[in-house]
Structures are given as C-alpha cells and as structure tokens.
C-alpha cells in the first residue's frame, strides 16, 4: 500500500528542475526558488529527521510558523512520514496554544526561532518530545538536523482513511474542535479542483494567503501539487506588490479583502490583468458589489466557491459558464448538497431556505476525541450538517443566506463569539456581552461587541480593546465595542443575535461615510 496522498502528488510532479515555489525578493533581498527536485530531497531529509525524533504513523506534528517554502516542504515531510499535520495560526497566544497542545498531544512542535524560548516550557509541560525551529529564511534547528539526514526516504504506507491533518475549528460554545482530515479527503478535493478549475503545469498561482488555513494550504498548495504547477509566495498581501508580480502569474486566489484593496489601487486596469486566467475568492462572503466592480474594471468575473474546514471545498461557480454574483456555484463533482428543515432534518424543495448538508469524499472523519460531538453533526445517512443556512436555485446554484451558528468570518478567518465574550465578560464593570459579525467591505464581516455595563461603571471602548490585547489573536479582537442597556432575548432567555445584527448592519458603512 502506498502513501495515498503523497503518491498522487508525486505521480503528478513535473521534471525535477521545474519551479515549485518562488519567493520574490523583498526590500532589496534575494529571490529564492525551490524546485520540485529540491522539494523531494528536502522533504526526504525532514521526514527522516521526524522519524529520528520519534514520530510514528498517526503522531501529530504541531506547526506554528511564518510563511515560507520550507514550511510547505515540512507539510509534505509530515505526510510522507505518516504523521498528522497540525498547522496553528501564527497569531495564537500562549493561552490559546495551551489548549491545542494539551488536546492534540503532538510528538513534535515546530516554531519560529524567536518563539522557542517562550513556547518550550509550555510544550514540555504537555509532554512534547521535541521542539524544533524553522525560520522564514530556511534556517533553524529543523533545517540543521535535516541537512545531516539521508536524502532518500521510503514513504510510510498510509491508506485513504488514515489521517493526514487536523485543523482546529470551533462552535459558538465550548472549546475548539479538531477536524480530522484523511488522505482521501485532501486528495479527492485537490484532484477535483485542479480539474474543474483547469489547472495545468503551465500555471503560476500568486499566493498571498496564510498557510495554516484550509484556503492557503489545502486548496492553493494541494491543487498546485496535483497539477504540477508553481506558486509565487508573498508573505503578506500588499496591493502594489501583487500588481507588480501579477505579470508572472496566471491565477490568483484570495479573500474578499484582497479584491477590495486591489480595486482601490490605481494600477488595477484591464491591461494589467489581461494575461490572467482565473481569480478565485473564498473564506468569507464576497459582496455582489465587489464582484460587479471587479468585472467592470478588469473584464474578469471572480470565481467564488464555498468550503469549510471540515469539508474542504463543496461548491464552485463554473470555470466555463455563468459566475453569478451572490452565489457560491454548484456542487463539485462527487459532492452532494441538500437543504433540510433545521428542526426535522427533512429535505426541502429547491428555492426554500434551510440547513445546508454535505456528503462526499471531501467530508472529514469527525472531531478529534469528540465522538459525541461528531455523532451530533452527522445525519444517519452520513450527511454533515454544515450549520450554514442557504437555498438551491432552479439552476442548481447554492446561495448562502446566513448561519445557524453565530460564526463570524473576518478577513477569511473564523471567529467564534464565545471566545471573545468570555474575555469581555470577565472585565470589571461588565455585566455581559454579545459578539456578532457586521458586514464590512474590507473584511467580509467586522467583529463587533455589544456590551452591557454594570451601574455606574466607567469602562469604555478603548479600555476593553486594551484589555483584550494579548489575550486573543488580533483578528479575533473587536473592531468596535458598542454599549447597550440590555441584550434582546427570546422567551427562553436566549440572546437574539439576529436582532443585534439587523440593528447594526450599516455600522461600518456609516463609519466610512462619516
């Protein structure tokens, strides 16, 4: 039995001298190129090192790294070694990492060189066997150790149902959940997307996404590997830099913020993007006005798709065909989407709004060490209950109209209100809070906190924002804190966040206009 995921990638790799990842020079630095041959050799060395550090099939390798070509090679090494890759957001604080390391129990943790001194005591307390470092310039203990290891590695046998990765996600209550993704989950989705989006070895993908997230890692990188194409790695999004590099690319994947910022740049013209083949948007809702403005300015219609951490990609607007603003397209080949009554679970006719449920080879295996939660999220016939509300129109296009859960998606990142509310509620002078997402042109949704103060309390917005700094990752922190006399509740005492969203739906539009 081969290593299911990596065997498919290897079979599709071009000649060893073809570019896999190019990291352009920044600020007078030197441009770096990693070929497919380099990636094979280095991933062999890294896989050998992981085995030396005690990694066995099924062991977790937790990675909190800034973006680099070597970090992607480490992902490949983990797959080849039979390990379970666990990417962690670089913004996570030690308080947040305490939970992830305790829950996942990784054998090895890899972090940036500057983070090791602070992270190592925590990792050791959680039973981590080895802590390695990897810098954005390719230095660190991981690279030092790998250099001394053999350049050949016999890939560990892994079947379609064996785990390849765990990505943590959350609900509106309770702790984060580890979504278990198998070799088949990742492989099937990458092969499908490469085909339906027309990827070939001649493509170059302009990549400014983070690589700890489904979008930047499993969509962008895996699709590239399955097509034998190349990546142009940009550490962070900058509209001017993206336009400078775009002539060397054929495809760009981004979150809505990318497109909003590019539309604000005078260098965006139809001539500047005439050579581009495809623009893809996801991870947050793309406003119809952004879609239409992009088409008018560039002549390209953005391809919007719909996915989740638990399912990878579910639907896509067509590569050839009508890309309809405000929809996320049709189900991908092999994926079945149905809309059901949220209470009874009975299927609803096309056009009616209900709960979106998904079935297919892309759907995850369940939540790490949470069998009861896993059972609650699946129907008896295997359909996964997404938590998203939507409908299917007569042409088969899926429309997302809301969320059964109160998840906020800001700039492509998931924010779970309870995490923020717990921190705010603990502050002196606060009775309670409710966190919602409000439409925001740049970020899809802006994290917004509604707070009820204790009588005579003087705590204000700057004080709350200052208190949250360092307690939560930056993207989770509210963009605005508003004060209310009370939170609206239904007869069961549940806060009616839909009313709060309706009352503040124009908050950021008003702020911009003002």
Protein backbone atom coordinates (compact mmCIF):
# COMPACT_ATOMS: atom_id res chain seq x y z
CA UNK A 1 0.00 0.00 0.00
CA UNK A 2 1.48 3.38 -0.96
CA UNK A 3 1.25 6.66 0.91
CA UNK A 4 -2.15 7.62 -0.56
CA UNK A 5 -1.89 11.43 -0.65
CA UNK A 6 1.80 11.82 -1.45
CA UNK A 7 1.76 9.08 -4.10
CA UNK A 8 -0.83 11.09 -6.02
CA UNK A 9 1.24 14.25 -5.67
CA UNK A 10 4.46 12.51 -6.75
CA UNK A 11 2.78 10.97 -9.80
CA UNK A 12 1.77 14.45 -10.99
CA UNK A 13 5.05 16.25 -10.34
CA UNK A 14 6.86 17.66 -13.38
CA UNK A 15 10.59 17.43 -14.03
CA UNK A 16 12.82 17.99 -11.03
CA UNK A 17 14.17 21.27 -12.39
CA UNK A 18 10.72 22.86 -12.70
CA UNK A 19 9.92 25.62 -10.18
CA UNK A 20 7.62 24.64 -7.34
CA UNK A 21 7.78 27.75 -5.13
CA UNK A 22 9.30 31.12 -5.94
CA UNK A 23 9.74 33.58 -3.08
CA UNK A 24 10.30 37.02 -4.66
CA UNK A 25 12.86 39.40 -3.22
CA UNK A 26 11.50 41.93 -0.72
CA UNK A 27 13.22 45.14 0.31
CA UNK A 28 16.43 44.52 -1.59
CA UNK A 29 16.69 40.87 -0.58
CA UNK A 30 17.40 37.89 -2.78
CA UNK A 31 14.69 35.99 -4.64
CA UNK A 32 14.60 32.29 -3.74
CA UNK A 33 13.42 29.38 -5.89
CA UNK A 34 12.57 25.88 -4.72
CA UNK A 35 12.29 23.30 -7.50
CA UNK A 36 10.26 20.10 -7.40
CA UNK A 37 13.54 18.20 -7.11
CA UNK A 38 14.53 20.36 -4.14
CA UNK A 39 11.17 19.68 -2.50
CA UNK A 40 11.55 15.91 -2.91
CA UNK A 41 15.06 15.88 -1.46
CA UNK A 42 14.36 18.25 1.41
CA UNK A 43 11.10 16.55 2.37
CA UNK A 44 13.00 13.25 2.45
CA UNK A 45 15.56 14.72 4.83
CA UNK A 46 12.86 16.29 7.01
CA UNK A 47 10.86 13.05 7.11
CA UNK A 48 13.97 11.16 8.21
CA UNK A 49 14.52 13.73 10.96
CA UNK A 50 10.93 13.44 12.18
CA UNK A 51 11.35 9.67 12.45
CA UNK A 52 14.60 10.24 14.36
CA UNK A 53 12.67 12.46 16.77
CA UNK A 54 10.31 9.57 17.49
CA UNK A 55 7.43 10.35 15.13
CA UNK A 56 5.42 7.24 14.34
CA UNK A 57 2.45 6.84 11.99
CA UNK A 58 -0.53 8.73 13.40
CA UNK A 59 1.56 11.01 15.66
CA UNK A 60 0.73 14.70 15.48
CA UNK A 61 3.28 17.32 14.44
CA UNK A 62 2.16 20.80 15.52
CA UNK A 63 3.47 23.68 13.42
CA UNK A 64 3.26 27.40 14.21
CA UNK A 65 5.39 29.04 11.55
CA UNK A 66 5.54 32.13 9.44
CA UNK A 67 5.07 31.53 5.73
CA UNK A 68 7.99 30.05 3.80
CA UNK A 69 8.72 27.48 1.12
CA UNK A 70 10.41 25.29 3.72
CA UNK A 71 7.24 25.30 5.83
CA UNK A 72 5.35 23.80 2.88
CA UNK A 73 8.07 21.16 2.49
CA UNK A 74 7.62 20.31 6.18
CA UNK A 75 3.94 19.63 5.47
CA UNK A 76 4.99 17.21 2.72
CA UNK A 77 7.52 15.59 5.07
CA UNK A 78 4.81 15.00 7.67
CA UNK A 79 2.57 13.35 5.08
CA UNK A 80 5.44 11.17 3.87
CA UNK A 81 6.33 10.14 7.44
CA UNK A 82 2.74 9.10 8.12
CA UNK A 83 2.32 11.88 10.68
CA UNK A 84 -0.77 14.03 11.19
CA UNK A 85 -0.01 17.63 10.25
CA UNK A 86 -1.38 20.21 12.71
CA UNK A 87 -0.98 23.82 11.50
CA UNK A 88 -1.59 26.52 14.10
CA UNK A 89 -2.38 30.16 13.44
CA UNK A 90 0.69 32.33 13.96
CA UNK A 91 -1.46 34.82 15.88
CA UNK A 92 -2.37 32.35 18.63
CA UNK A 93 -1.22 33.41 22.08
CA UNK A 94 0.34 31.11 24.68
CA UNK A 95 -3.01 30.98 26.46
CA UNK A 96 -4.59 29.62 23.28
CA UNK A 97 -1.72 27.26 22.49
CA UNK A 98 -2.04 25.73 25.95
CA UNK A 99 -5.32 24.15 24.87
CA UNK A 100 -4.24 23.00 21.42
CA UNK A 101 -1.07 21.28 22.61
CA UNK A 102 -2.89 19.67 25.50
CA UNK A 103 -5.70 18.39 23.31
CA UNK A 104 -3.70 17.20 20.30
CA UNK A 105 -0.72 15.85 22.28
CA UNK A 106 1.79 16.32 19.44
CA UNK A 107 5.01 14.35 19.37
CA UNK A 108 6.91 17.28 17.83
CA UNK A 109 6.32 21.04 17.78
CA UNK A 110 7.97 23.27 15.17
CA UNK A 111 8.00 27.02 15.75
CA UNK A 112 9.92 30.09 14.61
CA UNK A 113 13.36 30.56 16.20
CA UNK A 114 12.25 33.65 18.10
CA UNK A 115 9.29 31.87 19.69
CA UNK A 116 11.11 28.84 21.09
CA UNK A 117 12.20 30.29 24.43
CA UNK A 118 8.63 31.24 25.34
CA UNK A 119 6.94 28.19 23.85
CA UNK A 120 9.29 25.44 25.02
CA UNK A 121 8.26 25.36 28.71
CA UNK A 122 4.60 25.05 27.69
CA UNK A 123 5.37 22.34 25.14
CA UNK A 124 7.44 20.35 27.63
CA UNK A 125 4.65 20.57 30.20
CA UNK A 126 2.33 18.97 27.64
CA UNK A 127 4.65 16.04 27.05
CA UNK A 128 6.03 17.16 23.68
CA UNK A 129 9.11 15.07 22.89
CA UNK A 130 10.94 17.55 20.64
CA UNK A 131 10.77 21.25 19.82
CA UNK A 132 12.34 22.32 16.53
CA UNK A 133 12.67 25.73 14.89
CA UNK A 134 12.33 26.92 11.30
CA UNK A 135 12.83 30.48 10.12
CA UNK A 136 11.45 32.21 7.04
CA UNK A 137 14.98 32.26 5.59
CA UNK A 138 15.34 28.49 5.82
CA UNK A 139 17.42 28.47 8.98
CA UNK A 140 16.73 26.81 12.32
CA UNK A 141 17.27 23.55 14.16
CA UNK A 142 14.92 21.65 11.85
CA UNK A 143 17.00 22.53 8.81
CA UNK A 144 20.26 21.89 10.66
CA UNK A 145 19.08 18.44 11.66
CA UNK A 146 17.60 17.65 8.25
CA UNK A 147 20.84 18.52 6.47
CA UNK A 148 22.56 15.66 8.26
CA UNK A 149 19.83 13.15 7.31
CA UNK A 150 19.69 10.93 4.19
CA UNK A 151 18.30 12.45 1.01
CA UNK A 152 16.12 9.41 0.32
CA UNK A 153 13.08 8.31 2.31
CA UNK A 154 10.78 5.35 1.96
CA UNK A 155 7.31 6.84 2.32
CA UNK A 156 5.27 5.38 5.16
CA UNK A 157 2.28 3.43 3.93
CA UNK A 158 -0.97 5.27 4.53
CA UNK A 159 -4.41 4.38 3.21
CA UNK A 160 -7.24 6.66 2.07
CA UNK A 161 -8.90 6.68 5.51
CA UNK A 162 -5.73 7.37 7.52
CA UNK A 163 -5.45 10.87 8.96
CA UNK A 164 -3.28 13.40 7.14
CA UNK A 165 -4.11 16.53 9.12
CA UNK A 166 -6.06 18.05 11.98
CA UNK A 167 -7.32 21.62 11.68
CA UNK A 168 -8.89 23.22 14.71
CA UNK A 169 -12.23 24.91 14.34
CA UNK A 170 -14.87 25.89 16.87
CA UNK A 171 -18.54 26.20 17.64
CA UNK A 172 -20.32 29.07 19.27
CA UNK A 173 -19.91 27.41 22.65
CA UNK A 174 -17.20 25.33 24.21
CA UNK A 175 -13.62 24.70 23.19
CA UNK A 176 -12.14 24.41 19.72
CA UNK A 177 -12.64 21.13 17.88
CA UNK A 178 -10.01 19.32 15.85
CA UNK A 179 -11.40 18.44 12.40
CA UNK A 180 -9.77 15.16 11.32
CA UNK A 181 -8.94 15.18 7.60
CA UNK A 182 -7.92 11.95 5.89
CA UNK A 183 -5.60 11.33 2.97
CA UNK A 184 -8.66 10.74 0.78
CA UNK A 185 -10.37 13.94 1.98
CA UNK A 186 -7.42 16.08 0.88
CA UNK A 187 -6.52 14.11 -2.24
CA UNK A 188 -10.02 13.89 -3.70
CA UNK A 189 -10.69 17.59 -3.24
CA UNK A 190 -7.35 18.68 -4.72
CA UNK A 191 -7.68 16.43 -7.78
CA UNK A 192 -11.24 17.65 -8.37
CA UNK A 193 -10.40 21.34 -8.04
CA UNK A 194 -7.36 21.08 -10.30
CA UNK A 195 -9.60 19.57 -12.95
CA UNK A 196 -12.66 21.82 -12.68
CA UNK A 197 -10.55 24.99 -12.48
CA UNK A 198 -8.41 23.97 -15.46
CA UNK A 199 -5.02 23.88 -13.70
CA UNK A 200 -2.03 22.69 -15.73
CA UNK A 201 1.75 22.58 -15.26
CA UNK A 202 1.92 25.95 -17.06
CA UNK A 203 0.04 27.76 -14.31
CA UNK A 204 1.64 30.02 -11.72
CA UNK A 205 -0.50 30.83 -8.68
CA UNK A 206 0.05 34.18 -6.96
CA UNK A 207 -0.21 33.20 -3.29
CA UNK A 208 -0.60 35.82 -0.54
CA UNK A 209 -2.67 33.63 1.81
CA UNK A 210 -1.58 32.20 5.17
CA UNK A 211 -0.58 28.53 5.13
CA UNK A 212 -2.18 27.47 8.43
CA UNK A 213 -5.64 27.72 6.89
CA UNK A 214 -7.62 25.44 4.55
CA UNK A 215 -7.58 28.04 1.77
CA UNK A 216 -3.86 28.76 1.58
CA UNK A 217 -2.67 25.24 2.42
CA UNK A 218 -5.09 22.60 1.19
CA UNK A 219 -6.77 24.50 -1.64
CA UNK A 220 -3.92 26.55 -3.10
CA UNK A 221 -0.96 24.31 -2.34
CA UNK A 222 -2.54 20.90 -2.88
CA UNK A 223 -4.14 21.98 -6.15
CA UNK A 224 -0.76 23.28 -7.33
CA UNK A 225 0.88 19.98 -6.45
CA UNK A 226 -1.81 17.94 -8.19
CA UNK A 227 -1.30 19.96 -11.38
CA UNK A 228 2.49 20.21 -11.23
CA UNK A 229 2.22 23.99 -11.47
CA UNK A 230 4.03 26.62 -9.41
CA UNK A 231 3.49 29.07 -6.58
CA UNK A 232 4.64 32.67 -6.23
CA UNK A 233 4.83 33.13 -2.46
CA UNK A 234 4.11 36.55 -0.97
CA UNK A 235 4.43 36.78 2.81
CA UNK A 236 1.58 39.24 3.20
CA UNK A 237 -0.91 40.99 0.98
CA UNK A 238 0.09 44.34 -0.46
CA UNK A 239 -1.87 45.60 -3.45
CA UNK A 240 1.12 47.28 -5.11
CA UNK A 241 3.31 44.20 -4.71
CA UNK A 242 0.57 41.93 -6.03
CA UNK A 243 0.21 44.07 -9.15
CA UNK A 244 3.99 44.09 -9.61
CA UNK A 245 4.14 40.29 -9.51
CA UNK A 246 0.92 39.61 -11.39
CA UNK A 247 2.51 39.61 -14.89
CA UNK A 248 4.34 36.41 -13.88
CA UNK A 249 1.16 34.68 -12.67
CA UNK A 250 -1.86 33.13 -14.33
CA UNK A 251 -4.09 32.55 -11.28
CA UNK A 252 -4.76 34.36 -8.00
CA UNK A 253 -6.64 33.02 -5.00
CA UNK A 254 -7.71 35.44 -2.32
CA UNK A 255 -10.21 36.53 0.28
CA UNK A 256 -12.66 39.39 -0.45
CA UNK A 257 -10.33 41.86 1.26
CA UNK A 258 -7.73 41.30 -1.49
CA UNK A 259 -10.16 42.30 -4.20
CA UNK A 260 -11.47 45.32 -2.32
CA UNK A 261 -7.91 46.61 -1.76
CA UNK A 262 -6.89 45.98 -5.37
CA UNK A 263 -9.94 47.89 -6.59
CA UNK A 264 -8.69 50.84 -4.54
CA UNK A 265 -5.32 50.78 -6.37
CA UNK A 266 -4.95 52.93 -9.46
CA UNK A 267 -2.69 50.32 -11.05
CA UNK A 268 -5.55 47.85 -11.46
CA UNK A 269 -6.59 48.05 -15.11
CA UNK A 270 -7.86 45.60 -17.68
CA UNK A 271 -4.44 45.70 -19.33
CA UNK A 272 -2.68 44.86 -16.04
CA UNK A 273 -4.63 41.59 -15.69
CA UNK A 274 -5.20 40.72 -19.35
CA UNK A 275 -2.83 37.72 -19.13
CA UNK A 276 -4.53 36.28 -16.02
CA UNK A 277 -6.61 33.13 -16.42
CA UNK A 278 -8.53 33.00 -13.15
CA UNK A 279 -9.34 34.93 -9.98
CA UNK A 280 -10.80 32.88 -7.11
CA UNK A 281 -12.36 34.20 -3.90
CA UNK A 282 -13.36 32.39 -0.75
CA UNK A 283 -13.14 32.07 3.05
CA UNK A 284 -15.66 34.89 3.52
CA UNK A 285 -18.69 36.23 1.63
CA UNK A 286 -17.83 38.28 -1.44
CA UNK A 287 -20.15 41.25 -1.75
CA UNK A 288 -22.02 41.39 -5.07
CA UNK A 289 -20.91 45.00 -5.47
CA UNK A 290 -17.24 43.89 -5.26
CA UNK A 291 -17.87 41.15 -7.83
CA UNK A 292 -19.53 43.58 -10.23
CA UNK A 293 -16.94 46.32 -9.73
CA UNK A 294 -14.13 43.85 -10.47
CA UNK A 295 -15.81 42.70 -13.67
CA UNK A 296 -16.36 46.25 -14.84
CA UNK A 297 -12.78 47.32 -14.04
CA UNK A 298 -10.89 44.25 -15.29
CA UNK A 299 -13.14 42.28 -17.60
CA UNK A 300 -12.75 39.24 -15.32
CA UNK A 301 -15.54 37.74 -13.24
CA UNK A 302 -14.28 36.44 -9.89
CA UNK A 303 -14.97 32.76 -9.28
CA UNK A 304 -16.49 32.35 -5.81
CA UNK A 305 -16.64 28.97 -4.11
CA UNK A 306 -17.82 27.56 -0.79
CA UNK A 307 -15.98 25.37 1.65
CA UNK A 308 -15.40 24.67 5.30
CA UNK A 309 -12.56 23.43 7.47
CA UNK A 310 -14.47 20.17 7.90
CA UNK A 311 -15.21 19.60 4.23
CA UNK A 312 -12.60 21.40 2.15
CA UNK A 313 -14.43 22.77 -0.92
CA UNK A 314 -18.07 21.87 -1.54
CA UNK A 315 -19.24 24.06 -4.42
CA UNK A 316 -17.82 26.34 -7.08
CA UNK A 317 -19.05 28.74 -9.67
CA UNK A 318 -18.11 27.28 -13.05
CA UNK A 319 -14.82 27.87 -14.80
CA UNK A 320 -16.69 27.77 -18.10
CA UNK A 321 -20.15 29.18 -17.59
CA UNK A 322 -22.02 31.82 -15.64
CA UNK A 323 -20.32 33.03 -12.47
CA UNK A 324 -23.21 34.56 -10.61
CA UNK A 325 -22.56 37.25 -8.00
CA UNK A 326 -24.04 36.39 -4.63
CA UNK A 327 -23.89 32.63 -5.18
CA UNK A 328 -21.21 30.05 -4.43
CA UNK A 329 -21.95 27.98 -7.51
CA UNK A 330 -22.89 24.35 -7.93
CA UNK A 331 -21.75 21.23 -6.05
CA UNK A 332 -18.36 19.91 -7.12
CA UNK A 333 -18.22 16.52 -8.87
CA UNK A 334 -18.73 13.77 -6.31
CA UNK A 335 -20.18 16.18 -3.72
CA UNK A 336 -23.87 16.16 -2.84
CA UNK A 337 -25.54 19.23 -1.32
CA UNK A 338 -29.04 19.19 0.13
CA UNK A 339 -31.10 21.71 2.06
CA UNK A 340 -33.15 20.45 5.00
CA UNK A 341 -35.56 21.71 7.59
CA UNK A 342 -33.31 22.71 10.54
CA UNK A 343 -35.69 21.16 13.07
CA UNK A 344 -36.89 17.97 11.40
CA UNK A 345 -33.98 17.27 9.05
CA UNK A 346 -36.41 16.63 6.20
CA UNK A 347 -35.19 17.68 2.72
CA UNK A 348 -36.69 20.91 1.37
CA UNK A 349 -37.57 21.73 -2.25
CA UNK A 350 -35.29 23.93 -4.33
CA UNK A 351 -35.77 27.59 -3.56
CA UNK A 352 -36.61 27.10 0.12
CA UNK A 353 -34.17 28.23 2.80
CA UNK A 354 -32.91 25.65 5.26
CA UNK A 355 -29.83 23.94 6.64
CA UNK A 356 -27.10 23.04 4.14
CA UNK A 357 -25.89 19.46 4.48
CA UNK A 358 -22.94 17.93 2.62
CA UNK A 359 -21.90 14.44 1.60
CA UNK A 360 -18.88 13.32 -0.41
CA UNK A 361 -15.27 12.14 -0.27
CA UNK A 362 -14.25 15.61 0.89
CA UNK A 363 -16.15 15.41 4.19
CA UNK A 364 -13.94 14.96 7.26
CA UNK A 365 -13.78 11.89 9.51
CA UNK A 366 -15.06 13.64 12.62
CA UNK A 367 -13.80 15.72 15.54
CA UNK A 368 -10.65 14.69 17.36
CA UNK A 369 -11.53 12.88 20.60
CA UNK A 370 -15.12 14.18 20.48
CA UNK A 371 -17.27 11.18 19.47
CA UNK A 372 -20.48 12.66 20.87
CA UNK A 373 -19.96 15.98 19.03
CA UNK A 374 -19.13 14.07 15.85
CA UNK A 375 -22.31 12.00 16.11
CA UNK A 376 -24.39 15.14 16.66
CA UNK A 377 -23.06 16.79 13.49
CA UNK A 378 -23.85 13.91 11.12
CA UNK A 379 -27.16 12.54 9.89
CA UNK A 380 -27.77 8.82 9.96
CA UNK A 381 -27.12 8.60 6.21
CA UNK A 382 -23.71 10.26 6.50
CA UNK A 383 -24.57 13.86 5.57
CA UNK A 384 -22.64 16.51 7.52
CA UNK A 385 -24.75 19.31 8.99
CA UNK A 386 -22.84 22.44 7.96
CA UNK A 387 -24.52 24.97 10.26
CA UNK A 388 -24.94 27.27 7.25
CA UNK A 389 -28.36 28.33 6.06
CA UNK A 390 -28.97 28.50 2.34
CA UNK A 391 -31.03 27.54 -0.68
CA UNK A 392 -30.55 25.99 -4.11
CA UNK A 393 -31.98 27.88 -7.07
CA UNK A 394 -33.55 26.28 -10.17
CA UNK A 395 -30.17 26.23 -11.96
CA UNK A 396 -28.55 24.32 -9.10
CA UNK A 397 -26.56 27.27 -7.76
CA UNK A 398 -26.17 27.37 -4.00
CA UNK A 399 -26.91 30.60 -2.11
CA UNK A 400 -25.61 31.06 1.44
CA UNK A 401 -28.06 33.29 3.27
CA UNK A 402 -26.87 33.04 6.85
CA UNK A 403 -25.55 30.75 9.53
CA UNK A 404 -27.37 28.64 12.03
CA UNK A 405 -24.34 29.15 14.22
CA UNK A 406 -23.10 32.61 15.06
CA UNK A 407 -19.69 32.17 13.49
CA UNK A 408 -18.07 35.42 12.31
CA UNK A 409 -15.80 35.25 9.25
CA UNK A 410 -13.47 38.24 9.12
CA UNK A 411 -10.73 38.56 6.51
CA UNK A 412 -11.01 34.84 5.83
CA UNK A 413 -10.57 33.82 9.49
CA UNK A 414 -13.18 32.21 11.68
CA UNK A 415 -14.03 33.97 14.94
CA UNK A 416 -16.25 32.21 17.42
CA UNK A 417 -18.18 34.73 19.56
CA UNK A 418 -17.97 32.76 22.80
CA UNK A 419 -14.17 33.03 22.84
CA UNK A 420 -14.40 36.84 22.75
CA UNK A 421 -17.44 37.11 25.03
CA UNK A 422 -15.77 35.12 27.80
CA UNK A 423 -12.85 37.55 27.84
CA UNK A 424 -15.06 40.66 27.83
CA UNK A 425 -17.45 39.30 30.47
CA UNK A 426 -14.53 38.80 32.85
CA UNK A 427 -13.61 42.50 32.82
CA UNK A 428 -14.53 44.71 35.80
CA UNK A 429 -17.60 46.80 35.10
CA UNK A 430 -19.10 44.41 32.52
CA UNK A 431 -22.35 42.52 33.14
CA UNK A 432 -22.45 40.65 29.82
CA UNK A 433 -21.61 40.92 26.17
CA UNK A 434 -22.65 39.60 22.78
CA UNK A 435 -20.29 39.39 19.82
CA UNK A 436 -21.64 39.48 16.26
CA UNK A 437 -20.41 39.90 12.70
CA UNK A 438 -21.44 43.06 10.86
CA UNK A 439 -20.99 43.48 7.06
CA UNK A 440 -17.63 45.08 6.31
CA UNK A 441 -16.42 45.83 2.77
CA UNK A 442 -12.77 45.01 3.51
CA UNK A 443 -13.11 42.01 5.81
CA UNK A 444 -16.43 40.44 4.84
CA UNK A 445 -17.55 40.86 8.44
CA UNK A 446 -16.27 43.08 11.22
CA UNK A 447 -16.12 41.60 14.73
CA UNK A 448 -18.41 43.77 16.84
CA UNK A 449 -19.07 43.56 20.57
CA UNK A 450 -22.27 44.77 22.27
CA UNK A 451 -21.63 45.28 25.98
CA UNK A 452 -23.92 45.84 28.97
CA UNK A 453 -22.14 47.78 31.73
CA UNK A 454 -22.72 47.50 35.44
CA UNK A 455 -24.45 50.52 37.02
CA UNK A 456 -22.07 53.47 37.37
CA UNK A 457 -19.25 51.59 35.60
CA UNK A 458 -16.94 53.78 33.54
CA UNK A 459 -15.29 51.12 31.37
CA UNK A 460 -15.23 52.30 27.75
CA UNK A 461 -14.30 51.04 24.30
CA UNK A 462 -10.54 51.82 24.49
CA UNK A 463 -10.31 50.11 27.87
CA UNK A 464 -11.93 46.92 26.59
CA UNK A 465 -9.79 46.83 23.47
CA UNK A 466 -6.66 47.34 25.54
CA UNK A 467 -7.67 44.55 27.92
CA UNK A 468 -8.15 42.11 25.02
CA UNK A 469 -4.76 42.89 23.51
CA UNK A 470 -2.53 39.88 24.18
CA UNK A 471 -5.43 37.74 25.37
CA UNK A 472 -6.77 37.00 21.90
CA UNK A 473 -5.30 36.80 18.43
CA UNK A 474 -5.54 40.17 16.67
CA UNK A 475 -8.14 39.03 14.14
CA UNK A 476 -10.49 37.97 16.96
CA UNK A 477 -10.43 41.36 18.65
CA UNK A 478 -13.48 43.58 18.01
CA UNK A 479 -13.23 46.37 15.50
CA UNK A 480 -15.87 48.21 17.51
CA UNK A 481 -17.26 47.95 21.05
CA UNK A 482 -20.75 49.39 21.47
CA UNK A 483 -22.66 49.79 24.73
CA UNK A 484 -26.33 48.91 25.20
CA UNK A 485 -28.72 48.96 28.16
CA UNK A 486 -29.67 45.31 27.67
CA UNK A 487 -29.37 42.48 25.17
CA UNK A 488 -32.53 41.36 23.35
CA UNK A 489 -33.74 37.90 24.41
CA UNK A 490 -36.46 35.49 23.40
CA UNK A 491 -38.88 33.83 25.83
CA UNK A 492 -36.28 31.15 26.60
CA UNK A 493 -33.74 33.77 27.62
CA UNK A 494 -31.51 33.25 24.57
CA UNK A 495 -29.84 36.38 23.21
CA UNK A 496 -31.31 37.20 19.80
CA UNK A 497 -28.18 38.00 17.87
CA UNK A 498 -30.13 38.31 14.64
CA UNK A 499 -31.76 41.46 16.07
CA UNK A 500 -28.36 42.85 17.02
CA UNK A 501 -27.03 42.18 13.54
CA UNK A 502 -30.04 43.84 11.94
CA UNK A 503 -29.72 46.89 14.18
CA UNK A 504 -26.02 47.32 13.33
CA UNK A 505 -25.91 46.10 9.72
CA UNK A 506 -24.86 49.51 8.43
CA UNK A 507 -22.37 50.26 11.22
CA UNK A 508 -19.21 50.17 9.10
CA UNK A 509 -20.89 51.74 6.10
CA UNK A 510 -21.93 54.66 8.34
CA UNK A 511 -18.43 54.92 9.74
CA UNK A 512 -16.94 55.00 6.23
CA UNK A 513 -19.43 57.62 5.08
CA UNK A 514 -18.76 59.72 8.13
